[in-house]
Amino acid sequence: MTYRAPARRIGRLKRPFGDLYYEVSGSGPALLLAHGLGGNHLSWWQQVAHFAPSYTCVSFAHRGFAPSDAIPGGPDPADYADDLAALIDHLEFPDVRLVGQSMGGWTVLEYAIARPGKVKALVLSSTSGTLDRRSCDPSGGAQYDAWAKDAEVEAAAGLADGIHPAMGRPAAARSPALHLLYASIDTMAGSLDKEKLRASLRRTATRRLADLGTFRVPTLLIAGGEDIVFPAFLANAIAASLPCGRAELLPHAGHSPYFEEPATFNRLVEAFLALHR
C-alpha cells in the first residue's frame, strides 16, 4: 500500500497580544477548527487526519493557550473572533467553513455574525457560543435551570473520581485511553486560569436567540446526549429557530463528540459540508 501524508506546515501569526500558533494541513476548501476550554490545536487530531485529503484544515491555539503566547491576566473571549479574522485574512482564504467546539463556539459564531458572506458553513459542537442559554430554552429557562442543577452535581461527583467533565463518566469508562489523552491535552495550557476564563465566557454569552432571525449561514449543531457541560436539548431549540439550522444528537457522547465518537462526528460534518460547498 502506498500512502502519502497530506502537506502540513506550522505558523505563528503576529497579533497585538503576541503570537497566535496555527497549523495548516491538506488542500482544498478552507476548514478552520476552533477548540474548547479543555483543548488546543491538537484536540482536532482525528478531524485533521480525516478532512485534510479534501480540505485545507487549519487548527490553532486560542490566545493564551500554549503554544500561542500567554497573556497576563488571561485572554478575553471578546477578542477571539478578531484573531480568527486575522488568521483567515493572513491565509488569504476567499471563503471558509468553521467548526467550533464548546468555547470555540464563541469564536466561530461571532465571526460568522460579523462576516456572513465569508462563511459557507458553520458547525457548533456542544455549544451555543455567545448566545444566552436561558434565552434559547423554549420553557423560558425552567428546563435549563433544572438541567444545570443536575449537571453540577454530576460534574462534582465525577471530579472527585478524577473524571474530566468535558468527557464525563460514561465516556471515560468506555475509553480510558481517550480520557487520559483529553486530560493530558487540557494540562498543556499551563498556568492559564481556566476558571477565570470560564467566568468570562459566561459573562460574554449575552446574545438573544431571537436576534438571529435573519442569520442565514447554514448551521449544524451537534450535541451529545450524555453532556453535563452543554444541555443537548438546546441544540434542537437553537436549530429550529435559525433560518438555515439543523441539529444532530449523538446519544452516547458526552461534551466532546468530536473526540469521543470521531467517525460519527466526521461523517455528519462531512455530509453537511458537502451540501454547502
C-alpha atoms as a PDB file:
ATOM      1  CA  MET A   1       0.000   0.000   0.000  1.00  0.00           C
ATOM      2  CA  THR A   2       1.257   3.459  -0.910  1.00  0.00           C
ATOM      3  CA  TYR A   3       0.303   6.312   1.394  1.00  0.00           C
ATOM      4  CA  ARG A   4       1.354   9.920   1.199  1.00  0.00           C
ATOM      5  CA  ALA A   5       0.586  12.160   4.148  1.00  0.00           C
ATOM      6  CA  PRO A   6      -1.124  15.477   3.403  1.00  0.00           C
ATOM      7  CA  ALA A   7       1.143  18.509   3.356  1.00  0.00           C
ATOM      8  CA  ARG A   8       1.470  20.193   6.761  1.00  0.00           C
ATOM      9  CA  ARG A   9       3.003  23.457   7.857  1.00  0.00           C
ATOM     10  CA  ILE A  10       3.243  25.380  11.101  1.00  0.00           C
ATOM     11  CA  GLY A  11       2.951  29.135  11.548  1.00  0.00           C
ATOM     12  CA  ARG A  12       2.816  31.895  14.123  1.00  0.00           C
ATOM     13  CA  LEU A  13       0.717  34.965  13.365  1.00  0.00           C
ATOM     14  CA  LYS A  14       1.736  38.233  14.990  1.00  0.00           C
ATOM     15  CA  ARG A  15      -1.168  39.757  16.923  1.00  0.00           C
ATOM     16  CA  PRO A  16      -1.323  42.668  19.403  1.00  0.00           C
ATOM     17  CA  PHE A  17      -1.146  40.228  22.335  1.00  0.00           C
ATOM     18  CA  GLY A  18       1.759  38.229  20.872  1.00  0.00           C
ATOM     19  CA  ASP A  19       1.890  35.171  18.573  1.00  0.00           C
ATOM     20  CA  LEU A  20      -1.094  33.032  17.564  1.00  0.00           C
ATOM     21  CA  TYR A  21       0.027  29.479  16.793  1.00  0.00           C
ATOM     22  CA  TYR A  22      -1.594  27.595  13.910  1.00  0.00           C
ATOM     23  CA  GLU A  23      -1.141  24.540  11.709  1.00  0.00           C
ATOM     24  CA  VAL A  24      -2.279  24.063   8.116  1.00  0.00           C
ATOM     25  CA  SER A  25      -2.782  20.559   6.740  1.00  0.00           C
ATOM     26  CA  GLY A  26      -4.023  19.275   3.401  1.00  0.00           C
ATOM     27  CA  SER A  27      -5.503  21.099   0.432  1.00  0.00           C
ATOM     28  CA  GLY A  28      -8.905  22.141  -0.850  1.00  0.00           C
ATOM     29  CA  PRO A  29     -11.598  24.438   0.559  1.00  0.00           C
ATOM     30  CA  ALA A  30     -10.690  26.060   3.873  1.00  0.00           C
ATOM     31  CA  LEU A  31     -11.916  24.343   7.049  1.00  0.00           C
ATOM     32  CA  LEU A  32     -10.998  26.043  10.348  1.00  0.00           C
ATOM     33  CA  LEU A  33     -11.291  24.305  13.704  1.00  0.00           C
ATOM     34  CA  ALA A  34     -11.668  26.251  16.979  1.00  0.00           C
ATOM     35  CA  HIS A  35     -11.006  24.233  20.143  1.00  0.00           C
ATOM     36  CA  GLY A  36     -12.693  24.347  23.525  1.00  0.00           C
ATOM     37  CA  LEU A  37     -11.586  25.339  27.019  1.00  0.00           C
ATOM     38  CA  GLY A  38     -10.058  21.921  27.663  1.00  0.00           C
ATOM     39  CA  GLY A  39      -8.124  21.772  24.416  1.00  0.00           C
ATOM     40  CA  ASN A  40      -5.724  23.326  21.957  1.00  0.00           C
ATOM     41  CA  HIS A  41      -4.884  22.784  18.290  1.00  0.00           C
ATOM     42  CA  LEU A  42      -4.050  19.114  18.999  1.00  0.00           C
ATOM     43  CA  SER A  43      -7.624  18.402  20.064  1.00  0.00           C
ATOM     44  CA  TRP A  44      -8.580  18.083  16.405  1.00  0.00           C
ATOM     45  CA  TRP A  45      -6.151  15.272  15.517  1.00  0.00           C
ATOM     46  CA  GLN A  46      -8.983  12.951  14.467  1.00  0.00           C
ATOM     47  CA  GLN A  47     -10.613  15.614  12.293  1.00  0.00           C
ATOM     48  CA  VAL A  48      -7.441  16.876  10.614  1.00  0.00           C
ATOM     49  CA  ALA A  49      -6.428  13.346   9.631  1.00  0.00           C
ATOM     50  CA  HIS A  50      -9.888  12.729   8.176  1.00  0.00           C
ATOM     51  CA  PHE A  51     -10.500  16.002   6.353  1.00  0.00           C
ATOM     52  CA  ALA A  52      -7.011  17.013   5.174  1.00  0.00           C
ATOM     53  CA  PRO A  53      -7.175  14.905   1.989  1.00  0.00           C
ATOM     54  CA  SER A  54     -10.156  17.014   0.847  1.00  0.00           C
ATOM     55  CA  TYR A  55      -9.899  20.301   2.732  1.00  0.00           C
ATOM     56  CA  THR A  56      -7.263  22.785   3.816  1.00  0.00           C
ATOM     57  CA  CYS A  57      -7.562  22.182   7.558  1.00  0.00           C
ATOM     58  CA  VAL A  58      -6.456  24.931   9.919  1.00  0.00           C
ATOM     59  CA  SER A  59      -6.207  24.217  13.625  1.00  0.00           C
ATOM     60  CA  PHE A  60      -4.947  26.866  16.009  1.00  0.00           C
ATOM     61  CA  ALA A  61      -4.453  27.549  19.699  1.00  0.00           C
ATOM     62  CA  HIS A  62      -6.593  30.377  21.013  1.00  0.00           C
ATOM     63  CA  ARG A  63      -4.753  33.334  22.523  1.00  0.00           C
ATOM     64  CA  GLY A  64      -3.470  32.411  25.972  1.00  0.00           C
ATOM     65  CA  PHE A  65      -3.414  28.681  25.149  1.00  0.00           C
ATOM     66  CA  ALA A  66       0.040  27.226  24.509  1.00  0.00           C
ATOM     67  CA  PRO A  67       1.752  27.160  22.098  1.00  0.00           C
ATOM     68  CA  SER A  68       0.161  30.559  21.386  1.00  0.00           C
ATOM     69  CA  ASP A  69       1.584  33.223  23.649  1.00  0.00           C
ATOM     70  CA  ALA A  70       0.339  33.644  27.198  1.00  0.00           C
ATOM     71  CA  ILE A  71      -1.499  36.821  28.196  1.00  0.00           C
ATOM     72  CA  PRO A  72      -1.022  38.481  31.594  1.00  0.00           C
ATOM     73  CA  GLY A  73      -4.354  38.269  33.362  1.00  0.00           C
ATOM     74  CA  GLY A  74      -5.666  35.757  30.823  1.00  0.00           C
ATOM     75  CA  PRO A  75      -7.456  36.124  27.473  1.00  0.00           C
ATOM     76  CA  ASP A  76     -10.719  37.942  26.827  1.00  0.00           C
ATOM     77  CA  PRO A  77     -13.124  35.814  24.732  1.00  0.00           C
ATOM     78  CA  ALA A  78     -14.328  39.005  23.062  1.00  0.00           C
ATOM     79  CA  ASP A  79     -11.008  39.033  21.172  1.00  0.00           C
ATOM     80  CA  TYR A  80     -11.302  35.521  19.756  1.00  0.00           C
ATOM     81  CA  ALA A  81     -13.277  36.357  16.624  1.00  0.00           C
ATOM     82  CA  ASP A  82     -10.837  39.115  15.655  1.00  0.00           C
ATOM     83  CA  ASP A  83      -7.952  36.650  15.984  1.00  0.00           C
ATOM     84  CA  LEU A  84      -9.803  34.254  13.697  1.00  0.00           C
ATOM     85  CA  ALA A  85     -10.474  37.042  11.200  1.00  0.00           C
ATOM     86  CA  ALA A  86      -6.799  37.986  11.193  1.00  0.00           C
ATOM     87  CA  LEU A  87      -5.786  34.367  10.632  1.00  0.00           C
ATOM     88  CA  ILE A  88      -8.239  33.944   7.745  1.00  0.00           C
ATOM     89  CA  ASP A  89      -7.015  37.155   6.148  1.00  0.00           C
ATOM     90  CA  HIS A  90      -3.392  36.127   6.663  1.00  0.00           C
ATOM     91  CA  LEU A  91      -4.008  32.812   4.904  1.00  0.00           C
ATOM     92  CA  GLU A  92      -5.939  34.639   2.144  1.00  0.00           C
ATOM     93  CA  PHE A  93      -8.963  32.341   2.141  1.00  0.00           C
ATOM     94  CA  PRO A  94     -11.791  33.669  -0.057  1.00  0.00           C
ATOM     95  CA  ASP A  95     -14.343  31.681   1.936  1.00  0.00           C
ATOM     96  CA  VAL A  96     -14.322  29.374   4.942  1.00  0.00           C
ATOM     97  CA  ARG A  97     -16.094  26.559   6.763  1.00  0.00           C
ATOM     98  CA  LEU A  98     -15.968  26.849  10.539  1.00  0.00           C
ATOM     99  CA  VAL A  99     -16.186  24.267  13.315  1.00  0.00           C
ATOM    100  CA  GLY A 100     -16.278  25.423  16.929  1.00  0.00           C
ATOM    101  CA  GLN A 101     -16.237  23.122  19.946  1.00  0.00           C
ATOM    102  CA  SER A 102     -17.642  24.488  23.217  1.00  0.00           C
ATOM    103  CA  MET A 103     -15.549  27.651  23.875  1.00  0.00           C
ATOM    104  CA  GLY A 104     -14.674  27.677  20.177  1.00  0.00           C
ATOM    105  CA  GLY A 105     -18.325  28.433  19.540  1.00  0.00           C
ATOM    106  CA  TRP A 106     -17.722  31.957  20.875  1.00  0.00           C
ATOM    107  CA  THR A 107     -15.041  32.363  18.198  1.00  0.00           C
ATOM    108  CA  VAL A 108     -16.809  30.982  15.151  1.00  0.00           C
ATOM    109  CA  LEU A 109     -20.310  32.281  15.846  1.00  0.00           C
ATOM    110  CA  GLU A 110     -19.108  35.844  16.334  1.00  0.00           C
ATOM    111  CA  TYR A 111     -17.001  35.638  13.175  1.00  0.00           C
ATOM    112  CA  ALA A 112     -19.971  34.300  11.191  1.00  0.00           C
ATOM    113  CA  ILE A 113     -22.297  37.013  12.507  1.00  0.00           C
ATOM    114  CA  ALA A 114     -19.807  39.724  11.575  1.00  0.00           C
ATOM    115  CA  ARG A 115     -18.837  38.265   8.185  1.00  0.00           C
ATOM    116  CA  PRO A 116     -21.658  36.007   6.967  1.00  0.00           C
ATOM    117  CA  GLY A 117     -20.626  36.381   3.332  1.00  0.00           C
ATOM    118  CA  LYS A 118     -17.315  34.634   4.020  1.00  0.00           C
ATOM    119  CA  VAL A 119     -18.799  31.592   5.775  1.00  0.00           C
ATOM    120  CA  LYS A 120     -20.057  28.714   3.654  1.00  0.00           C
ATOM    121  CA  ALA A 121     -20.995  26.530   6.623  1.00  0.00           C
ATOM    122  CA  LEU A 122     -20.888  26.723  10.415  1.00  0.00           C
ATOM    123  CA  VAL A 123     -20.727  23.799  12.851  1.00  0.00           C
ATOM    124  CA  LEU A 124     -21.420  24.397  16.537  1.00  0.00           C
ATOM    125  CA  SER A 125     -20.356  21.355  18.545  1.00  0.00           C
ATOM    126  CA  SER A 126     -21.634  21.183  22.126  1.00  0.00           C
ATOM    127  CA  THR A 127     -22.059  24.932  22.230  1.00  0.00           C
ATOM    128  CA  SER A 128     -24.425  27.841  21.870  1.00  0.00           C
ATOM    129  CA  GLY A 129     -21.469  30.214  21.631  1.00  0.00           C
ATOM    130  CA  THR A 130     -22.267  33.772  22.622  1.00  0.00           C
ATOM    131  CA  LEU A 131     -25.993  33.075  22.871  1.00  0.00           C
ATOM    132  CA  ASP A 132     -27.526  33.355  26.328  1.00  0.00           C
ATOM    133  CA  ARG A 133     -28.555  29.789  27.111  1.00  0.00           C
ATOM    134  CA  ARG A 134     -31.694  30.675  29.013  1.00  0.00           C
ATOM    135  CA  SER A 135     -32.903  32.741  26.045  1.00  0.00           C
ATOM    136  CA  CYS A 136     -32.630  29.594  23.919  1.00  0.00           C
ATOM    137  CA  ASP A 137     -34.755  27.470  26.248  1.00  0.00           C
ATOM    138  CA  PRO A 138     -38.333  27.147  24.947  1.00  0.00           C
ATOM    139  CA  SER A 139     -39.516  26.741  28.563  1.00  0.00           C
ATOM    140  CA  GLY A 140     -38.244  30.209  29.422  1.00  0.00           C
ATOM    141  CA  GLY A 141     -35.277  28.883  31.359  1.00  0.00           C
ATOM    142  CA  ALA A 142     -37.019  26.367  33.611  1.00  0.00           C
ATOM    143  CA  GLN A 143     -35.706  23.286  31.792  1.00  0.00           C
ATOM    144  CA  TYR A 144     -32.232  24.780  31.577  1.00  0.00           C
ATOM    145  CA  ASP A 145     -32.143  25.615  35.272  1.00  0.00           C
ATOM    146  CA  ALA A 146     -33.193  22.077  36.217  1.00  0.00           C
ATOM    147  CA  TRP A 147     -30.588  20.599  33.875  1.00  0.00           C
ATOM    148  CA  ALA A 148     -27.859  22.889  35.237  1.00  0.00           C
ATOM    149  CA  LYS A 149     -28.599  21.845  38.818  1.00  0.00           C
ATOM    150  CA  ASP A 150     -28.349  18.139  37.999  1.00  0.00           C
ATOM    151  CA  ALA A 151     -25.272  18.640  35.801  1.00  0.00           C
ATOM    152  CA  GLU A 152     -23.421  20.493  38.556  1.00  0.00           C
ATOM    153  CA  VAL A 153     -23.962  17.596  40.981  1.00  0.00           C
ATOM    154  CA  GLU A 154     -22.848  15.034  38.410  1.00  0.00           C
ATOM    155  CA  ALA A 155     -19.754  17.032  37.423  1.00  0.00           C
ATOM    156  CA  ALA A 156     -18.686  17.429  41.052  1.00  0.00           C
ATOM    157  CA  ALA A 157     -19.065  13.718  41.690  1.00  0.00           C
ATOM    158  CA  GLY A 158     -17.030  12.963  38.570  1.00  0.00           C
ATOM    159  CA  LEU A 159     -14.246  15.364  39.514  1.00  0.00           C
ATOM    160  CA  ALA A 160     -13.986  13.647  42.880  1.00  0.00           C
ATOM    161  CA  ASP A 161     -13.242  10.444  40.974  1.00  0.00           C
ATOM    162  CA  GLY A 162     -10.791  12.079  38.565  1.00  0.00           C
ATOM    163  CA  ILE A 163     -13.272  12.313  35.674  1.00  0.00           C
ATOM    164  CA  HIS A 164     -12.903  15.275  33.325  1.00  0.00           C
ATOM    165  CA  PRO A 165     -16.364  16.839  32.855  1.00  0.00           C
ATOM    166  CA  ALA A 166     -15.687  17.522  29.185  1.00  0.00           C
ATOM    167  CA  MET A 167     -15.874  13.768  28.617  1.00  0.00           C
ATOM    168  CA  GLY A 168     -17.885  12.578  31.591  1.00  0.00           C
ATOM    169  CA  ARG A 169     -18.040   9.292  33.451  1.00  0.00           C
ATOM    170  CA  PRO A 170     -19.675   7.095  30.757  1.00  0.00           C
ATOM    171  CA  ALA A 171     -17.204   8.156  28.045  1.00  0.00           C
ATOM    172  CA  ALA A 172     -14.238   7.813  30.402  1.00  0.00           C
ATOM    173  CA  ALA A 173     -15.351   4.297  31.304  1.00  0.00           C
ATOM    174  CA  ARG A 174     -15.780   3.328  27.650  1.00  0.00           C
ATOM    175  CA  SER A 175     -12.384   4.684  26.643  1.00  0.00           C
ATOM    176  CA  PRO A 176      -9.924   5.306  29.488  1.00  0.00           C
ATOM    177  CA  ALA A 177      -7.145   5.956  26.967  1.00  0.00           C
ATOM    178  CA  LEU A 178      -9.062   8.755  25.229  1.00  0.00           C
ATOM    179  CA  HIS A 179      -9.962  10.208  28.613  1.00  0.00           C
ATOM    180  CA  LEU A 180      -6.289  10.220  29.603  1.00  0.00           C
ATOM    181  CA  LEU A 181      -5.322  11.888  26.324  1.00  0.00           C
ATOM    182  CA  TYR A 182      -8.022  14.532  26.726  1.00  0.00           C
ATOM    183  CA  ALA A 183      -6.892  15.347  30.253  1.00  0.00           C
ATOM    184  CA  SER A 184      -3.269  15.484  29.105  1.00  0.00           C
ATOM    185  CA  ILE A 185      -4.058  17.978  26.350  1.00  0.00           C
ATOM    186  CA  ASP A 186      -6.008  20.046  28.874  1.00  0.00           C
ATOM    187  CA  THR A 187      -2.964  20.409  31.126  1.00  0.00           C
ATOM    188  CA  MET A 188      -0.847  21.761  28.260  1.00  0.00           C
ATOM    189  CA  ALA A 189      -2.385  25.187  28.865  1.00  0.00           C
ATOM    190  CA  GLY A 190      -0.041  25.519  31.826  1.00  0.00           C
ATOM    191  CA  SER A 191      -0.774  28.382  34.209  1.00  0.00           C
ATOM    192  CA  LEU A 192      -3.838  29.676  32.341  1.00  0.00           C
ATOM    193  CA  ASP A 193      -6.609  30.357  34.874  1.00  0.00           C
ATOM    194  CA  LYS A 194      -9.435  28.419  33.262  1.00  0.00           C
ATOM    195  CA  GLU A 195     -11.970  29.152  35.985  1.00  0.00           C
ATOM    196  CA  LYS A 196     -11.470  32.869  35.384  1.00  0.00           C
ATOM    197  CA  LEU A 197     -11.831  32.305  31.652  1.00  0.00           C
ATOM    198  CA  ARG A 198     -14.943  30.186  32.187  1.00  0.00           C
ATOM    199  CA  ALA A 199     -16.494  33.087  34.080  1.00  0.00           C
ATOM    200  CA  SER A 200     -15.584  35.440  31.214  1.00  0.00           C
ATOM    201  CA  LEU A 201     -17.262  33.109  28.737  1.00  0.00           C
ATOM    202  CA  ARG A 202     -20.449  33.104  30.759  1.00  0.00           C
ATOM    203  CA  ARG A 203     -20.345  36.875  31.090  1.00  0.00           C
ATOM    204  CA  THR A 204     -19.992  37.382  27.328  1.00  0.00           C
ATOM    205  CA  ALA A 205     -22.803  34.974  26.345  1.00  0.00           C
ATOM    206  CA  THR A 206     -25.383  37.726  26.048  1.00  0.00           C
ATOM    207  CA  ARG A 207     -26.887  37.425  22.579  1.00  0.00           C
ATOM    208  CA  ARG A 208     -30.574  36.562  22.354  1.00  0.00           C
ATOM    209  CA  LEU A 209     -31.617  33.746  20.057  1.00  0.00           C
ATOM    210  CA  ALA A 210     -34.372  35.965  18.677  1.00  0.00           C
ATOM    211  CA  ASP A 211     -31.690  38.334  17.392  1.00  0.00           C
ATOM    212  CA  LEU A 212     -30.518  35.695  14.878  1.00  0.00           C
ATOM    213  CA  GLY A 213     -33.767  35.622  12.969  1.00  0.00           C
ATOM    214  CA  THR A 214     -32.021  36.858   9.804  1.00  0.00           C
ATOM    215  CA  PHE A 215     -28.826  34.823  10.277  1.00  0.00           C
ATOM    216  CA  ARG A 216     -28.720  32.728   7.094  1.00  0.00           C
ATOM    217  CA  VAL A 217     -25.355  30.998   7.383  1.00  0.00           C
ATOM    218  CA  PRO A 218     -26.011  27.239   7.117  1.00  0.00           C
ATOM    219  CA  THR A 219     -25.515  25.998  10.661  1.00  0.00           C
ATOM    220  CA  LEU A 220     -25.231  22.482  12.064  1.00  0.00           C
ATOM    221  CA  LEU A 221     -25.444  21.960  15.814  1.00  0.00           C
ATOM    222  CA  ILE A 222     -24.062  18.689  17.190  1.00  0.00           C
ATOM    223  CA  ALA A 223     -24.696  17.641  20.780  1.00  0.00           C
ATOM    224  CA  GLY A 224     -24.003  14.653  22.998  1.00  0.00           C
ATOM    225  CA  GLY A 225     -26.816  13.035  24.932  1.00  0.00           C
ATOM    226  CA  GLU A 226     -24.552  12.445  27.949  1.00  0.00           C
ATOM    227  CA  ASP A 227     -23.181  16.010  28.056  1.00  0.00           C
ATOM    228  CA  ILE A 228     -23.003  17.619  31.517  1.00  0.00           C
ATOM    229  CA  VAL A 229     -21.459  20.883  30.266  1.00  0.00           C
ATOM    230  CA  PHE A 230     -23.851  21.876  27.471  1.00  0.00           C
ATOM    231  CA  PRO A 231     -27.542  20.868  27.538  1.00  0.00           C
ATOM    232  CA  ALA A 232     -28.180  18.782  24.432  1.00  0.00           C
ATOM    233  CA  PHE A 233     -31.833  19.816  24.213  1.00  0.00           C
ATOM    234  CA  LEU A 234     -30.761  23.373  23.391  1.00  0.00           C
ATOM    235  CA  ALA A 235     -29.201  22.228  20.111  1.00  0.00           C
ATOM    236  CA  ASN A 236     -32.623  21.350  18.719  1.00  0.00           C
ATOM    237  CA  ALA A 237     -34.165  24.542  20.078  1.00  0.00           C
ATOM    238  CA  ILE A 238     -31.488  26.722  18.507  1.00  0.00           C
ATOM    239  CA  ALA A 239     -31.537  24.892  15.175  1.00  0.00           C
ATOM    240  CA  ALA A 240     -35.318  25.208  14.963  1.00  0.00           C
ATOM    241  CA  SER A 241     -35.064  28.976  15.408  1.00  0.00           C
ATOM    242  CA  LEU A 242     -32.343  29.582  12.812  1.00  0.00           C
ATOM    243  CA  PRO A 243     -33.382  30.122   9.185  1.00  0.00           C
ATOM    244  CA  CYS A 244     -30.777  27.606   7.999  1.00  0.00           C
ATOM    245  CA  GLY A 245     -30.237  25.499  11.117  1.00  0.00           C
ATOM    246  CA  ARG A 246     -30.249  21.771  11.770  1.00  0.00           C
ATOM    247  CA  ALA A 247     -29.250  19.622  14.738  1.00  0.00           C
ATOM    248  CA  GLU A 248     -27.797  16.155  15.262  1.00  0.00           C
ATOM    249  CA  LEU A 249     -27.697  14.271  18.561  1.00  0.00           C
ATOM    250  CA  LEU A 250     -25.112  11.628  19.442  1.00  0.00           C
ATOM    251  CA  PRO A 251     -26.952   9.846  22.257  1.00  0.00           C
ATOM    252  CA  HIS A 252     -23.913   8.128  23.757  1.00  0.00           C
ATOM    253  CA  ALA A 253     -21.461  11.036  23.596  1.00  0.00           C
ATOM    254  CA  GLY A 254     -20.600  13.491  26.326  1.00  0.00           C
ATOM    255  CA  HIS A 255     -19.409  17.059  25.880  1.00  0.00           C
ATOM    256  CA  SER A 256     -16.749  16.134  23.307  1.00  0.00           C
ATOM    257  CA  PRO A 257     -18.403  14.154  20.486  1.00  0.00           C
ATOM    258  CA  TYR A 258     -15.617  15.099  18.064  1.00  0.00           C
ATOM    259  CA  PHE A 259     -13.130  13.425  20.427  1.00  0.00           C
ATOM    260  CA  GLU A 260     -15.258  10.549  21.739  1.00  0.00           C
ATOM    261  CA  GLU A 261     -17.047   9.462  18.540  1.00  0.00           C
ATOM    262  CA  PRO A 262     -14.912  10.875  15.724  1.00  0.00           C
ATOM    263  CA  ALA A 263     -16.196   8.561  12.992  1.00  0.00           C
ATOM    264  CA  THR A 264     -19.809   9.612  13.537  1.00  0.00           C
ATOM    265  CA  PHE A 265     -18.891  13.253  14.090  1.00  0.00           C
ATOM    266  CA  ASN A 266     -16.758  13.383  10.949  1.00  0.00           C
ATOM    267  CA  ARG A 267     -19.458  11.712   8.873  1.00  0.00           C
ATOM    268  CA  LEU A 268     -22.060  14.256   9.989  1.00  0.00           C
ATOM    269  CA  VAL A 269     -19.767  17.208   9.346  1.00  0.00           C
ATOM    270  CA  GLU A 270     -18.595  15.839   6.007  1.00  0.00           C
ATOM    271  CA  ALA A 271     -22.160  15.370   4.764  1.00  0.00           C
ATOM    272  CA  PHE A 272     -23.113  18.854   5.937  1.00  0.00           C
ATOM    273  CA  LEU A 273     -20.119  20.495   4.282  1.00  0.00           C
ATOM    274  CA  ALA A 274     -20.867  18.666   1.034  1.00  0.00           C
ATOM    275  CA  LEU A 275     -24.226  20.438   0.904  1.00  0.00           C
ATOM    276  CA  HIS A 276     -22.629  23.878   1.162  1.00  0.00           C
ATOM    277  CA  ARG A 277     -19.507  23.853  -0.982  1.00  0.00           C
END
